[in-house]
């Protein structure tokens, strides 16, 4: 008798159904923009001859702000108290 494949479907359709939400929230993009601004200002200052502020801005932008933007997760609605119960 033939065997029936009972495994989960593969391919684009399975991935599309898995999660249709964006991986980052508005807060993540704002933090990333702040990191991008620090990096741009660092390079601008470096081009003008700055040897003190430029490396600090670049290190903070690349090593602190951008990773925070990638790893940051906002609070879930389950963690926040409901306002309906307060009334």
C-alpha atoms as a PDB file:
ATOM      1  CA  UNK A   1       0.000   0.000   0.000  1.00  0.00           C
ATOM      2  CA  UNK A   2       1.253   3.526  -0.742  1.00  0.00           C
ATOM      3  CA  UNK A   3       2.407   5.711   2.108  1.00  0.00           C
ATOM      4  CA  UNK A   4       0.868   9.123   2.619  1.00  0.00           C
ATOM      5  CA  UNK A   5       3.208  12.013   3.407  1.00  0.00           C
ATOM      6  CA  UNK A   6       1.868  13.623   6.581  1.00  0.00           C
ATOM      7  CA  UNK A   7       4.674  16.122   7.048  1.00  0.00           C
ATOM      8  CA  UNK A   8       3.960  19.828   7.148  1.00  0.00           C
ATOM      9  CA  UNK A   9       3.871  21.549   3.758  1.00  0.00           C
ATOM     10  CA  UNK A  10       7.103  23.139   2.632  1.00  0.00           C
ATOM     11  CA  UNK A  11       7.895  26.099   0.474  1.00  0.00           C
ATOM     12  CA  UNK A  12       6.707  29.649   0.135  1.00  0.00           C
ATOM     13  CA  UNK A  13       3.120  29.003   1.201  1.00  0.00           C
ATOM     14  CA  UNK A  14       4.160  27.439   4.496  1.00  0.00           C
ATOM     15  CA  UNK A  15       6.516  30.317   5.294  1.00  0.00           C
ATOM     16  CA  UNK A  16       3.880  32.909   4.403  1.00  0.00           C
ATOM     17  CA  UNK A  17       1.347  31.358   6.766  1.00  0.00           C
ATOM     18  CA  UNK A  18       3.863  30.983   9.575  1.00  0.00           C
ATOM     19  CA  UNK A  19       4.167  34.652  10.462  1.00  0.00           C
ATOM     20  CA  UNK A  20       2.786  37.562   8.501  1.00  0.00           C
ATOM     21  CA  UNK A  21       3.849  40.300  10.908  1.00  0.00           C
ATOM     22  CA  UNK A  22       6.907  42.491  10.495  1.00  0.00           C
ATOM     23  CA  UNK A  23       9.846  41.430  12.670  1.00  0.00           C
ATOM     24  CA  UNK A  24      10.511  44.977  13.926  1.00  0.00           C
ATOM     25  CA  UNK A  25       8.236  47.558  15.467  1.00  0.00           C
ATOM     26  CA  UNK A  26       8.234  51.309  15.021  1.00  0.00           C
ATOM     27  CA  UNK A  27      10.446  51.635  18.102  1.00  0.00           C
ATOM     28  CA  UNK A  28      13.088  49.366  16.547  1.00  0.00           C
ATOM     29  CA  UNK A  29      13.217  51.519  13.439  1.00  0.00           C
ATOM     30  CA  UNK A  30      13.494  54.721  15.489  1.00  0.00           C
ATOM     31  CA  UNK A  31      16.387  53.296  17.505  1.00  0.00           C
ATOM     32  CA  UNK A  32      18.033  52.168  14.271  1.00  0.00           C
ATOM     33  CA  UNK A  33      17.627  55.675  12.824  1.00  0.00           C
ATOM     34  CA  UNK A  34      19.327  57.117  15.899  1.00  0.00           C
ATOM     35  CA  UNK A  35      22.227  54.714  15.382  1.00  0.00           C
ATOM     36  CA  UNK A  36      22.408  55.606  11.713  1.00  0.00           C
ATOM     37  CA  UNK A  37      22.470  59.307  12.598  1.00  0.00           C
ATOM     38  CA  UNK A  38      25.327  58.720  15.071  1.00  0.00           C
ATOM     39  CA  UNK A  39      27.263  56.839  12.401  1.00  0.00           C
ATOM     40  CA  UNK A  40      26.696  59.542   9.775  1.00  0.00           C
ATOM     41  CA  UNK A  41      27.699  62.322  12.175  1.00  0.00           C
ATOM     42  CA  UNK A  42      30.771  60.280  13.109  1.00  0.00           C
ATOM     43  CA  UNK A  43      31.890  60.009   9.501  1.00  0.00           C
ATOM     44  CA  UNK A  44      31.145  63.690   8.841  1.00  0.00           C
ATOM     45  CA  UNK A  45      33.228  64.692  11.854  1.00  0.00           C
ATOM     46  CA  UNK A  46      35.984  62.297  10.774  1.00  0.00           C
ATOM     47  CA  UNK A  47      36.055  63.885   7.321  1.00  0.00           C
ATOM     48  CA  UNK A  48      36.413  67.329   8.952  1.00  0.00           C
ATOM     49  CA  UNK A  49      39.449  66.140  10.896  1.00  0.00           C
ATOM     50  CA  UNK A  50      37.865  65.305  14.234  1.00  0.00           C
ATOM     51  CA  UNK A  51      39.907  62.739  16.105  1.00  0.00           C
ATOM     52  CA  UNK A  52      38.012  62.733  19.407  1.00  0.00           C
ATOM     53  CA  UNK A  53      34.265  62.791  18.828  1.00  0.00           C
ATOM     54  CA  UNK A  54      34.240  60.863  15.518  1.00  0.00           C
ATOM     55  CA  UNK A  55      35.547  57.537  16.874  1.00  0.00           C
ATOM     56  CA  UNK A  56      33.262  57.780  19.884  1.00  0.00           C
ATOM     57  CA  UNK A  57      30.196  58.338  17.682  1.00  0.00           C
ATOM     58  CA  UNK A  58      31.173  55.514  15.348  1.00  0.00           C
ATOM     59  CA  UNK A  59      31.778  53.009  18.140  1.00  0.00           C
ATOM     60  CA  UNK A  60      28.566  53.959  19.935  1.00  0.00           C
ATOM     61  CA  UNK A  61      26.591  53.816  16.676  1.00  0.00           C
ATOM     62  CA  UNK A  62      27.956  50.485  15.456  1.00  0.00           C
ATOM     63  CA  UNK A  63      28.518  48.651  18.748  1.00  0.00           C
ATOM     64  CA  UNK A  64      25.731  49.951  20.984  1.00  0.00           C
ATOM     65  CA  UNK A  65      22.776  51.589  19.252  1.00  0.00           C
ATOM     66  CA  UNK A  66      22.398  49.347  16.180  1.00  0.00           C
ATOM     67  CA  UNK A  67      22.571  46.079  18.203  1.00  0.00           C
ATOM     68  CA  UNK A  68      20.032  47.504  20.654  1.00  0.00           C
ATOM     69  CA  UNK A  69      17.744  48.293  17.708  1.00  0.00           C
ATOM     70  CA  UNK A  70      18.032  44.703  16.486  1.00  0.00           C
ATOM     71  CA  UNK A  71      17.567  43.040  19.884  1.00  0.00           C
ATOM     72  CA  UNK A  72      14.935  45.357  21.401  1.00  0.00           C
ATOM     73  CA  UNK A  73      11.498  43.884  21.963  1.00  0.00           C
ATOM     74  CA  UNK A  74       8.667  45.987  23.274  1.00  0.00           C
ATOM     75  CA  UNK A  75       6.360  44.968  26.045  1.00  0.00           C
ATOM     76  CA  UNK A  76       3.645  42.480  25.164  1.00  0.00           C
ATOM     77  CA  UNK A  77       0.047  43.497  25.724  1.00  0.00           C
ATOM     78  CA  UNK A  78      -0.245  40.612  28.229  1.00  0.00           C
ATOM     79  CA  UNK A  79       2.415  42.233  30.430  1.00  0.00           C
ATOM     80  CA  UNK A  80       0.621  45.588  30.603  1.00  0.00           C
ATOM     81  CA  UNK A  81      -2.271  46.044  33.036  1.00  0.00           C
ATOM     82  CA  UNK A  82      -5.662  46.471  31.466  1.00  0.00           C
ATOM     83  CA  UNK A  83      -7.315  49.882  31.855  1.00  0.00           C
ATOM     84  CA  UNK A  84     -10.793  48.313  31.844  1.00  0.00           C
ATOM     85  CA  UNK A  85     -10.200  46.620  35.201  1.00  0.00           C
ATOM     86  CA  UNK A  86      -9.089  49.907  36.798  1.00  0.00           C
ATOM     87  CA  UNK A  87     -12.492  51.531  36.272  1.00  0.00           C
END
